[in-house]
Amino acid sequence: MSSSSVSRPGTGAAWGSLVAGLASVAALPVAVYLTRFSERYELLHSAFVVPLAAILGLAAITFARRARRRNALRLDGGRGIGLARAGGLLGIIGLCISLAALVALGVYGLLEYVGSRE
């Protein structure tokens, strides 16, 4: 059995972290972009993607922590630590984007409420 066919602990979680982090960062901008081409959906409808982006960001952070923990137990230092770091960072960025979108939606709702009272 060659060494390339042997499963390396932590690399699956590291790749999962990277993929989830990329999806988390891209989810909201893609949803906003797609509303530009639809006559049925408006910009405000892209808000339904905010929870998905937050969940993907949390998943990326969780996978990154799991990969780093598994790599810490290896004697050779492990592989995929760079992927795990990148995925964790992307997860944090995706979580920040979703929180910023949540604040923006809250401000929009507040302005709509104040504007409707006049």
PDB file of N, CA and C in Angstrom:
ATOM      1  N   MET A   1       0.841  -1.160   0.000  1.00  0.00           N
ATOM      2  CA  MET A   1       0.000   0.000   0.000  1.00  0.00           C
ATOM      3  C   MET A   1       0.891   1.229   0.000  1.00  0.00           C
ATOM      4  N   SER A   2       0.659   2.124  -0.914  1.00  0.00           N
ATOM      5  CA  SER A   2       1.485   3.326  -0.999  1.00  0.00           C
ATOM      6  C   SER A   2       1.041   4.341   0.042  1.00  0.00           C
ATOM      7  N   SER A   3       1.934   5.253   0.361  1.00  0.00           N
ATOM      8  CA  SER A   3       1.615   6.248   1.384  1.00  0.00           C
ATOM      9  C   SER A   3       0.571   7.246   0.906  1.00  0.00           C
ATOM     10  N   SER A   4       0.399   7.392  -0.406  1.00  0.00           N
ATOM     11  CA  SER A   4      -0.588   8.337  -0.905  1.00  0.00           C
ATOM     12  C   SER A   4      -2.006   7.800  -0.761  1.00  0.00           C
ATOM     13  N   SER A   5      -2.163   6.482  -0.633  1.00  0.00           N
ATOM     14  CA  SER A   5      -3.503   5.932  -0.494  1.00  0.00           C
ATOM     15  C   SER A   5      -3.932   5.815   0.954  1.00  0.00           C
ATOM     16  N   VAL A   6      -3.032   6.111   1.879  1.00  0.00           N
ATOM     17  CA  VAL A   6      -3.364   6.051   3.282  1.00  0.00           C
ATOM     18  C   VAL A   6      -4.083   7.335   3.671  1.00  0.00           C
ATOM     19  N   SER A   7      -5.187   7.190   4.389  1.00  0.00           N
ATOM     20  CA  SER A   7      -5.942   8.349   4.839  1.00  0.00           C
ATOM     21  C   SER A   7      -5.158   9.093   5.905  1.00  0.00           C
ATOM     22  N   ARG A   8      -5.075  10.385   5.772  1.00  0.00           N
ATOM     23  CA  ARG A   8      -4.366  11.203   6.747  1.00  0.00           C
ATOM     24  C   ARG A   8      -5.391  11.831   7.685  1.00  0.00           C
ATOM     25  N   PRO A   9      -5.279  11.576   8.978  1.00  0.00           N
ATOM     26  CA  PRO A   9      -6.236  12.153   9.918  1.00  0.00           C
ATOM     27  C   PRO A   9      -6.196  13.671   9.886  1.00  0.00           C
ATOM     28  N   GLY A  10      -7.349  14.272   9.913  1.00  0.00           N
ATOM     29  CA  GLY A  10      -7.436  15.724   9.948  1.00  0.00           C
ATOM     30  C   GLY A  10      -7.590  16.387   8.606  1.00  0.00           C
ATOM     31  N   THR A  11      -7.190  15.729   7.520  1.00  0.00           N
ATOM     32  CA  THR A  11      -7.281  16.402   6.227  1.00  0.00           C
ATOM     33  C   THR A  11      -8.723  16.491   5.746  1.00  0.00           C
ATOM     34  N   GLY A  12      -9.560  15.522   6.076  1.00  0.00           N
ATOM     35  CA  GLY A  12     -10.973  15.595   5.694  1.00  0.00           C
ATOM     36  C   GLY A  12     -11.668  16.756   6.371  1.00  0.00           C
ATOM     37  N   ALA A  13     -11.412  16.909   7.659  1.00  0.00           N
ATOM     38  CA  ALA A  13     -11.996  18.028   8.391  1.00  0.00           C
ATOM     39  C   ALA A  13     -11.422  19.354   7.902  1.00  0.00           C
ATOM     40  N   ALA A  14     -10.153  19.356   7.522  1.00  0.00           N
ATOM     41  CA  ALA A  14      -9.536  20.589   7.013  1.00  0.00           C
ATOM     42  C   ALA A  14     -10.174  20.997   5.690  1.00  0.00           C
ATOM     43  N   TRP A  15     -10.360  20.037   4.798  1.00  0.00           N
ATOM     44  CA  TRP A  15     -11.022  20.340   3.524  1.00  0.00           C
ATOM     45  C   TRP A  15     -12.467  20.753   3.751  1.00  0.00           C
ATOM     46  N   GLY A  16     -13.153  20.079   4.675  1.00  0.00           N
ATOM     47  CA  GLY A  16     -14.528  20.460   5.004  1.00  0.00           C
ATOM     48  C   GLY A  16     -14.604  21.878   5.524  1.00  0.00           C
ATOM     49  N   SER A  17     -13.624  22.263   6.340  1.00  0.00           N
ATOM     50  CA  SER A  17     -13.562  23.618   6.864  1.00  0.00           C
ATOM     51  C   SER A  17     -13.379  24.627   5.740  1.00  0.00           C
ATOM     52  N   LEU A  18     -12.493  24.320   4.820  1.00  0.00           N
ATOM     53  CA  LEU A  18     -12.240  25.230   3.707  1.00  0.00           C
ATOM     54  C   LEU A  18     -13.477  25.390   2.819  1.00  0.00           C
ATOM     55  N   VAL A  19     -14.127  24.282   2.502  1.00  0.00           N
ATOM     56  CA  VAL A  19     -15.317  24.332   1.642  1.00  0.00           C
ATOM     57  C   VAL A  19     -16.456  25.077   2.338  1.00  0.00           C
ATOM     58  N   ALA A  20     -16.697  24.757   3.617  1.00  0.00           N
ATOM     59  CA  ALA A  20     -17.760  25.440   4.352  1.00  0.00           C
ATOM     60  C   ALA A  20     -17.446  26.922   4.510  1.00  0.00           C
ATOM     61  N   GLY A  21     -16.180  27.260   4.727  1.00  0.00           N
ATOM     62  CA  GLY A  21     -15.793  28.664   4.848  1.00  0.00           C
ATOM     63  C   GLY A  21     -16.000  29.435   3.557  1.00  0.00           C
ATOM     64  N   LEU A  22     -15.601  28.827   2.452  1.00  0.00           N
ATOM     65  CA  LEU A  22     -15.815  29.475   1.150  1.00  0.00           C
ATOM     66  C   LEU A  22     -17.303  29.663   0.870  1.00  0.00           C
ATOM     67  N   ALA A  23     -18.104  28.649   1.171  1.00  0.00           N
ATOM     68  CA  ALA A  23     -19.550  28.745   0.951  1.00  0.00           C
ATOM     69  C   ALA A  23     -20.162  29.820   1.847  1.00  0.00           C
ATOM     70  N   SER A  24     -19.654  29.922   3.077  1.00  0.00           N
ATOM     71  CA  SER A  24     -20.167  30.923   4.002  1.00  0.00           C
ATOM     72  C   SER A  24     -19.877  32.338   3.517  1.00  0.00           C
ATOM     73  N   VAL A  25     -18.678  32.552   3.030  1.00  0.00           N
ATOM     74  CA  VAL A  25     -18.302  33.882   2.547  1.00  0.00           C
ATOM     75  C   VAL A  25     -19.039  34.225   1.261  1.00  0.00           C
ATOM     76  N   ALA A  26     -19.282  33.242   0.414  1.00  0.00           N
ATOM     77  CA  ALA A  26     -19.883  33.498  -0.897  1.00  0.00           C
ATOM     78  C   ALA A  26     -21.407  33.506  -0.885  1.00  0.00           C
ATOM     79  N   ALA A  27     -22.045  32.952   0.132  1.00  0.00           N
ATOM     80  CA  ALA A  27     -23.496  32.763   0.115  1.00  0.00           C
ATOM     81  C   ALA A  27     -24.257  34.078  -0.041  1.00  0.00           C
ATOM     82  N   LEU A  28     -23.986  35.034   0.796  1.00  0.00           N
ATOM     83  CA  LEU A  28     -24.741  36.285   0.759  1.00  0.00           C
ATOM     84  C   LEU A  28     -24.445  37.134  -0.483  1.00  0.00           C
ATOM     85  N   PRO A  29     -23.181  37.317  -0.861  1.00  0.00           N
ATOM     86  CA  PRO A  29     -22.951  38.072  -2.102  1.00  0.00           C
ATOM     87  C   PRO A  29     -23.582  37.424  -3.340  1.00  0.00           C
ATOM     88  N   VAL A  30     -23.567  36.101  -3.397  1.00  0.00           N
ATOM     89  CA  VAL A  30     -24.190  35.412  -4.533  1.00  0.00           C
ATOM     90  C   VAL A  30     -25.703  35.624  -4.515  1.00  0.00           C
ATOM     91  N   ALA A  31     -26.318  35.546  -3.337  1.00  0.00           N
ATOM     92  CA  ALA A  31     -27.764  35.761  -3.235  1.00  0.00           C
ATOM     93  C   ALA A  31     -28.136  37.183  -3.645  1.00  0.00           C
ATOM     94  N   VAL A  32     -27.346  38.156  -3.220  1.00  0.00           N
ATOM     95  CA  VAL A  32     -27.600  39.550  -3.600  1.00  0.00           C
ATOM     96  C   VAL A  32     -27.425  39.719  -5.104  1.00  0.00           C
ATOM     97  N   TYR A  33     -26.384  39.122  -5.653  1.00  0.00           N
ATOM     98  CA  TYR A  33     -26.124  39.214  -7.088  1.00  0.00           C
ATOM     99  C   TYR A  33     -27.257  38.593  -7.899  1.00  0.00           C
ATOM    100  N   LEU A  34     -27.766  37.459  -7.446  1.00  0.00           N
ATOM    101  CA  LEU A  34     -28.831  36.788  -8.195  1.00  0.00           C
ATOM    102  C   LEU A  34     -30.147  37.550  -8.176  1.00  0.00           C
ATOM    103  N   THR A  35     -30.382  38.366  -7.150  1.00  0.00           N
ATOM    104  CA  THR A  35     -31.621  39.152  -7.131  1.00  0.00           C
ATOM    105  C   THR A  35     -31.633  40.221  -8.215  1.00  0.00           C
ATOM    106  N   ARG A  36     -30.473  40.555  -8.732  1.00  0.00           N
ATOM    107  CA  ARG A  36     -30.422  41.560  -9.790  1.00  0.00           C
ATOM    108  C   ARG A  36     -31.013  41.039 -11.099  1.00  0.00           C
ATOM    109  N   PHE A  37     -31.036  39.726 -11.277  1.00  0.00           N
ATOM    110  CA  PHE A  37     -31.499  39.144 -12.536  1.00  0.00           C
ATOM    111  C   PHE A  37     -32.908  38.583 -12.437  1.00  0.00           C
ATOM    112  N   SER A  38     -33.551  38.748 -11.314  1.00  0.00           N
ATOM    113  CA  SER A  38     -34.881  38.199 -11.121  1.00  0.00           C
ATOM    114  C   SER A  38     -35.888  39.327 -10.964  1.00  0.00           C
ATOM    115  N   GLU A  39     -36.969  39.210 -11.678  1.00  0.00           N
ATOM    116  CA  GLU A  39     -38.040  40.177 -11.512  1.00  0.00           C
ATOM    117  C   GLU A  39     -38.958  39.768 -10.368  1.00  0.00           C
ATOM    118  N   ARG A  40     -38.867  38.539  -9.958  1.00  0.00           N
ATOM    119  CA  ARG A  40     -39.730  38.013  -8.904  1.00  0.00           C
ATOM    120  C   ARG A  40     -39.186  38.310  -7.508  1.00  0.00           C
ATOM    121  N   TYR A  41     -37.857  38.342  -7.362  1.00  0.00           N
ATOM    122  CA  TYR A  41     -37.231  38.546  -6.063  1.00  0.00           C
ATOM    123  C   TYR A  41     -36.576  39.913  -5.996  1.00  0.00           C
ATOM    124  N   GLU A  42     -36.694  40.529  -4.829  1.00  0.00           N
ATOM    125  CA  GLU A  42     -36.054  41.812  -4.584  1.00  0.00           C
ATOM    126  C   GLU A  42     -34.840  41.607  -3.687  1.00  0.00           C
ATOM    127  N   LEU A  43     -34.093  42.673  -3.481  1.00  0.00           N
ATOM    128  CA  LEU A  43     -32.889  42.614  -2.672  1.00  0.00           C
ATOM    129  C   LEU A  43     -33.175  42.123  -1.254  1.00  0.00           C
ATOM    130  N   LEU A  44     -34.290  42.529  -0.693  1.00  0.00           N
ATOM    131  CA  LEU A  44     -34.636  42.134   0.666  1.00  0.00           C
ATOM    132  C   LEU A  44     -34.841  40.622   0.793  1.00  0.00           C
ATOM    133  N   HIS A  45     -35.207  39.958  -0.284  1.00  0.00           N
ATOM    134  CA  HIS A  45     -35.392  38.507  -0.256  1.00  0.00           C
ATOM    135  C   HIS A  45     -34.075  37.749  -0.052  1.00  0.00           C
ATOM    136  N   SER A  46     -32.961  38.379  -0.337  1.00  0.00           N
ATOM    137  CA  SER A  46     -31.675  37.714  -0.121  1.00  0.00           C
ATOM    138  C   SER A  46     -31.368  37.555   1.360  1.00  0.00           C
ATOM    139  N   ALA A  47     -32.156  38.164   2.213  1.00  0.00           N
ATOM    140  CA  ALA A  47     -31.967  38.047   3.665  1.00  0.00           C
ATOM    141  C   ALA A  47     -32.213  36.620   4.154  1.00  0.00           C
ATOM    142  N   PHE A  48     -32.909  35.828   3.384  1.00  0.00           N
ATOM    143  CA  PHE A  48     -33.163  34.442   3.782  1.00  0.00           C
ATOM    144  C   PHE A  48     -31.882  33.603   3.779  1.00  0.00           C
ATOM    145  N   VAL A  49     -30.835  34.117   3.172  1.00  0.00           N
ATOM    146  CA  VAL A  49     -29.560  33.394   3.110  1.00  0.00           C
ATOM    147  C   VAL A  49     -28.688  33.682   4.337  1.00  0.00           C
ATOM    148  N   VAL A  50     -29.026  34.707   5.109  1.00  0.00           N
ATOM    149  CA  VAL A  50     -28.219  35.087   6.272  1.00  0.00           C
ATOM    150  C   VAL A  50     -28.056  33.930   7.265  1.00  0.00           C
ATOM    151  N   PRO A  51     -29.121  33.227   7.654  1.00  0.00           N
ATOM    152  CA  PRO A  51     -28.916  32.098   8.578  1.00  0.00           C
ATOM    153  C   PRO A  51     -28.056  30.988   7.972  1.00  0.00           C
ATOM    154  N   LEU A  52     -28.190  30.747   6.687  1.00  0.00           N
ATOM    155  CA  LEU A  52     -27.378  29.732   6.027  1.00  0.00           C
ATOM    156  C   LEU A  52     -25.898  30.108   6.077  1.00  0.00           C
ATOM    157  N   ALA A  53     -25.593  31.374   5.818  1.00  0.00           N
ATOM    158  CA  ALA A  53     -24.208  31.829   5.871  1.00  0.00           C
ATOM    159  C   ALA A  53     -23.648  31.687   7.285  1.00  0.00           C
ATOM    160  N   ALA A  54     -24.458  31.993   8.290  1.00  0.00           N
ATOM    161  CA  ALA A  54     -24.000  31.871   9.674  1.00  0.00           C
ATOM    162  C   ALA A  54     -23.760  30.407  10.048  1.00  0.00           C
ATOM    163  N   ILE A  55     -24.642  29.534   9.633  1.00  0.00           N
ATOM    164  CA  ILE A  55     -24.480  28.099   9.930  1.00  0.00           C
ATOM    165  C   ILE A  55     -23.242  27.549   9.236  1.00  0.00           C
ATOM    166  N   LEU A  56     -23.026  27.932   7.990  1.00  0.00           N
ATOM    167  CA  LEU A  56     -21.831  27.485   7.272  1.00  0.00           C
ATOM    168  C   LEU A  56     -20.558  28.028   7.915  1.00  0.00           C
ATOM    169  N   GLY A  57     -20.600  29.262   8.400  1.00  0.00           N
ATOM    170  CA  GLY A  57     -19.446  29.836   9.086  1.00  0.00           C
ATOM    171  C   GLY A  57     -19.129  29.084  10.369  1.00  0.00           C
ATOM    172  N   LEU A  58     -20.161  28.763  11.142  1.00  0.00           N
ATOM    173  CA  LEU A  58     -19.951  27.985  12.365  1.00  0.00           C
ATOM    174  C   LEU A  58     -19.436  26.581  12.054  1.00  0.00           C
ATOM    175  N   ALA A  59     -19.941  25.994  10.983  1.00  0.00           N
ATOM    176  CA  ALA A  59     -19.462  24.661  10.589  1.00  0.00           C
ATOM    177  C   ALA A  59     -17.991  24.719  10.189  1.00  0.00           C
ATOM    178  N   ALA A  60     -17.600  25.755   9.473  1.00  0.00           N
ATOM    179  CA  ALA A  60     -16.199  25.899   9.064  1.00  0.00           C
ATOM    180  C   ALA A  60     -15.293  26.034  10.278  1.00  0.00           C
ATOM    181  N   ILE A  61     -15.722  26.817  11.258  1.00  0.00           N
ATOM    182  CA  ILE A  61     -14.931  26.987  12.474  1.00  0.00           C
ATOM    183  C   ILE A  61     -14.827  25.668  13.230  1.00  0.00           C
ATOM    184  N   THR A  62     -15.927  24.936  13.315  1.00  0.00           N
ATOM    185  CA  THR A  62     -15.930  23.647  14.007  1.00  0.00           C
ATOM    186  C   THR A  62     -15.021  22.641  13.316  1.00  0.00           C
ATOM    187  N   PHE A  63     -15.118  22.560  11.994  1.00  0.00           N
ATOM    188  CA  PHE A  63     -14.256  21.634  11.248  1.00  0.00           C
ATOM    189  C   PHE A  63     -12.785  22.009  11.403  1.00  0.00           C
ATOM    190  N   ALA A  64     -12.489  23.304  11.405  1.00  0.00           N
ATOM    191  CA  ALA A  64     -11.102  23.747  11.551  1.00  0.00           C
ATOM    192  C   ALA A  64     -10.557  23.366  12.920  1.00  0.00           C
ATOM    193  N   ARG A  65     -11.354  23.545  13.941  1.00  0.00           N
ATOM    194  CA  ARG A  65     -10.906  23.164  15.294  1.00  0.00           C
ATOM    195  C   ARG A  65     -10.676  21.658  15.380  1.00  0.00           C
ATOM    196  N   ARG A  66     -11.569  20.887  14.762  1.00  0.00           N
ATOM    197  CA  ARG A  66     -11.410  19.430  14.771  1.00  0.00           C
ATOM    198  C   ARG A  66     -10.133  19.015  14.045  1.00  0.00           C
ATOM    199  N   ALA A  67      -9.868  19.629  12.910  1.00  0.00           N
ATOM    200  CA  ALA A  67      -8.666  19.289  12.139  1.00  0.00           C
ATOM    201  C   ALA A  67      -7.406  19.670  12.898  1.00  0.00           C
ATOM    202  N   ARG A  68      -7.407  20.845  13.523  1.00  0.00           N
ATOM    203  CA  ARG A  68      -6.228  21.259  14.292  1.00  0.00           C
ATOM    204  C   ARG A  68      -6.018  20.359  15.506  1.00  0.00           C
ATOM    205  N   ARG A  69      -7.104  19.949  16.141  1.00  0.00           N
ATOM    206  CA  ARG A  69      -6.983  19.051  17.296  1.00  0.00           C
ATOM    207  C   ARG A  69      -6.414  17.701  16.877  1.00  0.00           C
ATOM    208  N   ARG A  70      -6.882  17.172  15.751  1.00  0.00           N
ATOM    209  CA  ARG A  70      -6.364  15.884  15.271  1.00  0.00           C
ATOM    210  C   ARG A  70      -4.903  16.001  14.847  1.00  0.00           C
ATOM    211  N   ASN A  71      -4.552  17.101  14.225  1.00  0.00           N
ATOM    212  CA  ASN A  71      -3.163  17.293  13.797  1.00  0.00           C
ATOM    213  C   ASN A  71      -2.234  17.497  14.985  1.00  0.00           C
ATOM    214  N   ALA A  72      -2.736  18.051  16.070  1.00  0.00           N
ATOM    215  CA  ALA A  72      -1.907  18.261  17.259  1.00  0.00           C
ATOM    216  C   ALA A  72      -1.511  16.930  17.895  1.00  0.00           C
ATOM    217  N   LEU A  73      -2.310  15.896  17.676  1.00  0.00           N
ATOM    218  CA  LEU A  73      -2.021  14.591  18.264  1.00  0.00           C
ATOM    219  C   LEU A  73      -1.034  13.770  17.447  1.00  0.00           C
ATOM    220  N   ARG A  74      -0.747  14.229  16.244  1.00  0.00           N
ATOM    221  CA  ARG A  74       0.174  13.479  15.382  1.00  0.00           C
ATOM    222  C   ARG A  74       1.620  13.817  15.719  1.00  0.00           C
ATOM    223  N   LEU A  75       2.485  12.832  15.615  1.00  0.00           N
ATOM    224  CA  LEU A  75       3.895  13.034  15.915  1.00  0.00           C
ATOM    225  C   LEU A  75       4.624  13.802  14.813  1.00  0.00           C
ATOM    226  N   ASP A  76       4.171  13.642  13.572  1.00  0.00           N
ATOM    227  CA  ASP A  76       4.853  14.301  12.462  1.00  0.00           C
ATOM    228  C   ASP A  76       4.308  15.700  12.171  1.00  0.00           C
ATOM    229  N   GLY A  77       3.454  16.204  13.043  1.00  0.00           N
ATOM    230  CA  GLY A  77       2.930  17.555  12.846  1.00  0.00           C
ATOM    231  C   GLY A  77       1.658  17.596  12.038  1.00  0.00           C
ATOM    232  N   GLY A  78       1.330  16.511  11.356  1.00  0.00           N
ATOM    233  CA  GLY A  78       0.089  16.443  10.605  1.00  0.00           C
ATOM    234  C   GLY A  78       0.124  17.202   9.297  1.00  0.00           C
ATOM    235  N   ARG A  79      -0.918  17.013   8.539  1.00  0.00           N
ATOM    236  CA  ARG A  79      -1.053  17.697   7.257  1.00  0.00           C
ATOM    237  C   ARG A  79      -2.395  18.395   7.246  1.00  0.00           C
ATOM    238  N   GLY A  80      -2.485  19.373   6.454  1.00  0.00           N
ATOM    239  CA  GLY A  80      -3.746  20.090   6.308  1.00  0.00           C
ATOM    240  C   GLY A  80      -3.944  21.206   7.318  1.00  0.00           C
ATOM    241  N   ILE A  81      -2.914  21.532   8.086  1.00  0.00           N
ATOM    242  CA  ILE A  81      -3.071  22.589   9.081  1.00  0.00           C
ATOM    243  C   ILE A  81      -3.297  23.944   8.409  1.00  0.00           C
ATOM    244  N   GLY A  82      -2.677  24.151   7.261  1.00  0.00           N
ATOM    245  CA  GLY A  82      -2.901  25.398   6.515  1.00  0.00           C
ATOM    246  C   GLY A  82      -4.321  25.493   5.996  1.00  0.00           C
ATOM    247  N   LEU A  83      -4.852  24.354   5.521  1.00  0.00           N
ATOM    248  CA  LEU A  83      -6.243  24.327   5.068  1.00  0.00           C
ATOM    249  C   LEU A  83      -7.186  24.625   6.218  1.00  0.00           C
ATOM    250  N   ALA A  84      -6.887  24.045   7.372  1.00  0.00           N
ATOM    251  CA  ALA A  84      -7.738  24.261   8.539  1.00  0.00           C
ATOM    252  C   ALA A  84      -7.706  25.724   8.971  1.00  0.00           C
ATOM    253  N   ARG A  85      -6.538  26.334   8.949  1.00  0.00           N
ATOM    254  CA  ARG A  85      -6.440  27.754   9.310  1.00  0.00           C
ATOM    255  C   ARG A  85      -7.213  28.629   8.318  1.00  0.00           C
ATOM    256  N   ALA A  86      -7.036  28.343   7.047  1.00  0.00           N
ATOM    257  CA  ALA A  86      -7.745  29.124   6.028  1.00  0.00           C
ATOM    258  C   ALA A  86      -9.250  28.935   6.156  1.00  0.00           C
ATOM    259  N   GLY A  87      -9.686  27.699   6.366  1.00  0.00           N
ATOM    260  CA  GLY A  87     -11.107  27.437   6.529  1.00  0.00           C
ATOM    261  C   GLY A  87     -11.680  28.103   7.755  1.00  0.00           C
ATOM    262  N   GLY A  88     -10.931  28.069   8.865  1.00  0.00           N
ATOM    263  CA  GLY A  88     -11.392  28.738  10.078  1.00  0.00           C
ATOM    264  C   GLY A  88     -11.483  30.242   9.896  1.00  0.00           C
ATOM    265  N   LEU A  89     -10.492  30.818   9.221  1.00  0.00           N
ATOM    266  CA  LEU A  89     -10.516  32.253   8.958  1.00  0.00           C
ATOM    267  C   LEU A  89     -11.682  32.632   8.050  1.00  0.00           C
ATOM    268  N   LEU A  90     -11.915  31.831   7.015  1.00  0.00           N
ATOM    269  CA  LEU A  90     -13.058  32.090   6.137  1.00  0.00           C
ATOM    270  C   LEU A  90     -14.373  31.933   6.889  1.00  0.00           C
ATOM    271  N   GLY A  91     -14.422  30.975   7.807  1.00  0.00           N
ATOM    272  CA  GLY A  91     -15.626  30.802   8.621  1.00  0.00           C
ATOM    273  C   GLY A  91     -15.885  32.019   9.487  1.00  0.00           C
ATOM    274  N   ILE A  92     -14.839  32.576  10.080  1.00  0.00           N
ATOM    275  CA  ILE A  92     -14.998  33.784  10.889  1.00  0.00           C
ATOM    276  C   ILE A  92     -15.448  34.952  10.027  1.00  0.00           C
ATOM    277  N   ILE A  93     -14.859  35.079   8.837  1.00  0.00           N
ATOM    278  CA  ILE A  93     -15.257  36.160   7.928  1.00  0.00           C
ATOM    279  C   ILE A  93     -16.712  35.980   7.492  1.00  0.00           C
ATOM    280  N   GLY A  94     -17.102  34.750   7.169  1.00  0.00           N
ATOM    281  CA  GLY A  94     -18.491  34.486   6.792  1.00  0.00           C
ATOM    282  C   GLY A  94     -19.459  34.772   7.923  1.00  0.00           C
ATOM    283  N   LEU A  95     -19.063  34.441   9.134  1.00  0.00           N
ATOM    284  CA  LEU A  95     -19.896  34.734  10.297  1.00  0.00           C
ATOM    285  C   LEU A  95     -20.023  36.247  10.502  1.00  0.00           C
ATOM    286  N   CYS A  96     -18.932  36.975  10.306  1.00  0.00           N
ATOM    287  CA  CYS A  96     -18.974  38.438  10.422  1.00  0.00           C
ATOM    288  C   CYS A  96     -19.852  39.054   9.338  1.00  0.00           C
ATOM    289  N   ILE A  97     -19.789  38.516   8.127  1.00  0.00           N
ATOM    290  CA  ILE A  97     -20.643  39.020   7.043  1.00  0.00           C
ATOM    291  C   ILE A  97     -22.110  38.799   7.383  1.00  0.00           C
ATOM    292  N   SER A  98     -22.431  37.615   7.902  1.00  0.00           N
ATOM    293  CA  SER A  98     -23.828  37.337   8.236  1.00  0.00           C
ATOM    294  C   SER A  98     -24.295  38.209   9.404  1.00  0.00           C
ATOM    295  N   LEU A  99     -23.427  38.479  10.384  1.00  0.00           N
ATOM    296  CA  LEU A  99     -23.800  39.363  11.487  1.00  0.00           C
ATOM    297  C   LEU A  99     -23.981  40.800  11.002  1.00  0.00           C
ATOM    298  N   ALA A 100     -23.138  41.245  10.080  1.00  0.00           N
ATOM    299  CA  ALA A 100     -23.288  42.586   9.510  1.00  0.00           C
ATOM    300  C   ALA A 100     -24.593  42.694   8.725  1.00  0.00           C
ATOM    301  N   ALA A 101     -24.937  41.641   8.003  1.00  0.00           N
ATOM    302  CA  ALA A 101     -26.201  41.640   7.267  1.00  0.00           C
ATOM    303  C   ALA A 101     -27.381  41.652   8.224  1.00  0.00           C
ATOM    304  N   LEU A 102     -27.244  40.962   9.342  1.00  0.00           N
ATOM    305  CA  LEU A 102     -28.301  40.953  10.344  1.00  0.00           C
ATOM    306  C   LEU A 102     -28.487  42.349  10.948  1.00  0.00           C
ATOM    307  N   VAL A 103     -27.400  43.044  11.219  1.00  0.00           N
ATOM    308  CA  VAL A 103     -27.487  44.414  11.727  1.00  0.00           C
ATOM    309  C   VAL A 103     -28.136  45.315  10.676  1.00  0.00           C
ATOM    310  N   ALA A 104     -27.748  45.165   9.422  1.00  0.00           N
ATOM    311  CA  ALA A 104     -28.328  45.971   8.352  1.00  0.00           C
ATOM    312  C   ALA A 104     -29.834  45.726   8.232  1.00  0.00           C
ATOM    313  N   LEU A 105     -30.248  44.477   8.371  1.00  0.00           N
ATOM    314  CA  LEU A 105     -31.679  44.166   8.319  1.00  0.00           C
ATOM    315  C   LEU A 105     -32.412  44.766   9.512  1.00  0.00           C
ATOM    316  N   GLY A 106     -31.770  44.755  10.672  1.00  0.00           N
ATOM    317  CA  GLY A 106     -32.378  45.363  11.853  1.00  0.00           C
ATOM    318  C   GLY A 106     -32.555  46.863  11.695  1.00  0.00           C
ATOM    319  N   VAL A 107     -31.545  47.531  11.153  1.00  0.00           N
ATOM    320  CA  VAL A 107     -31.637  48.967  10.917  1.00  0.00           C
ATOM    321  C   VAL A 107     -32.715  49.254   9.882  1.00  0.00           C
ATOM    322  N   TYR A 108     -32.772  48.448   8.826  1.00  0.00           N
ATOM    323  CA  TYR A 108     -33.801  48.624   7.809  1.00  0.00           C
ATOM    324  C   TYR A 108     -35.192  48.460   8.416  1.00  0.00           C
ATOM    325  N   GLY A 109     -35.364  47.433   9.240  1.00  0.00           N
ATOM    326  CA  GLY A 109     -36.659  47.214   9.887  1.00  0.00           C
ATOM    327  C   GLY A 109     -37.030  48.366  10.808  1.00  0.00           C
ATOM    328  N   LEU A 110     -36.053  48.883  11.544  1.00  0.00           N
ATOM    329  CA  LEU A 110     -36.301  50.017  12.428  1.00  0.00           C
ATOM    330  C   LEU A 110     -36.697  51.252  11.636  1.00  0.00           C
ATOM    331  N   LEU A 111     -35.987  51.509  10.534  1.00  0.00           N
ATOM    332  CA  LEU A 111     -36.322  52.667   9.705  1.00  0.00           C
ATOM    333  C   LEU A 111     -37.702  52.523   9.065  1.00  0.00           C
ATOM    334  N   GLU A 112     -38.042  51.325   8.653  1.00  0.00           N
ATOM    335  CA  GLU A 112     -39.375  51.087   8.092  1.00  0.00           C
ATOM    336  C   GLU A 112     -40.456  51.313   9.146  1.00  0.00           C
ATOM    337  N   TYR A 113     -40.184  50.867  10.368  1.00  0.00           N
ATOM    338  CA  TYR A 113     -41.138  51.042  11.455  1.00  0.00           C
ATOM    339  C   TYR A 113     -41.317  52.513  11.784  1.00  0.00           C
ATOM    340  N   VAL A 114     -40.211  53.252  11.913  1.00  0.00           N
ATOM    341  CA  VAL A 114     -40.293  54.684  12.233  1.00  0.00           C
ATOM    342  C   VAL A 114     -40.952  55.433  11.082  1.00  0.00           C
ATOM    343  N   GLY A 115     -40.640  55.062   9.854  1.00  0.00           N
ATOM    344  CA  GLY A 115     -41.232  55.727   8.690  1.00  0.00           C
ATOM    345  C   GLY A 115     -42.717  55.456   8.548  1.00  0.00           C
ATOM    346  N   SER A 116     -43.195  54.317   9.002  1.00  0.00           N
ATOM    347  CA  SER A 116     -44.613  53.991   8.870  1.00  0.00           C
ATOM    348  C   SER A 116     -45.450  54.666   9.940  1.00  0.00           C
ATOM    349  N   ARG A 117     -44.825  55.158  10.994  1.00  0.00           N
ATOM    350  CA  ARG A 117     -45.565  55.810  12.086  1.00  0.00           C
ATOM    351  C   ARG A 117     -45.880  57.263  11.770  1.00  0.00           C
ATOM    352  N   GLU A 118     -45.232  57.829  10.805  1.00  0.00           N
ATOM    353  CA  GLU A 118     -45.452  59.252  10.504  1.00  0.00           C
ATOM    354  C   GLU A 118     -46.615  59.459   9.589  1.00  0.00           C
TER     355      GLU A 118
END
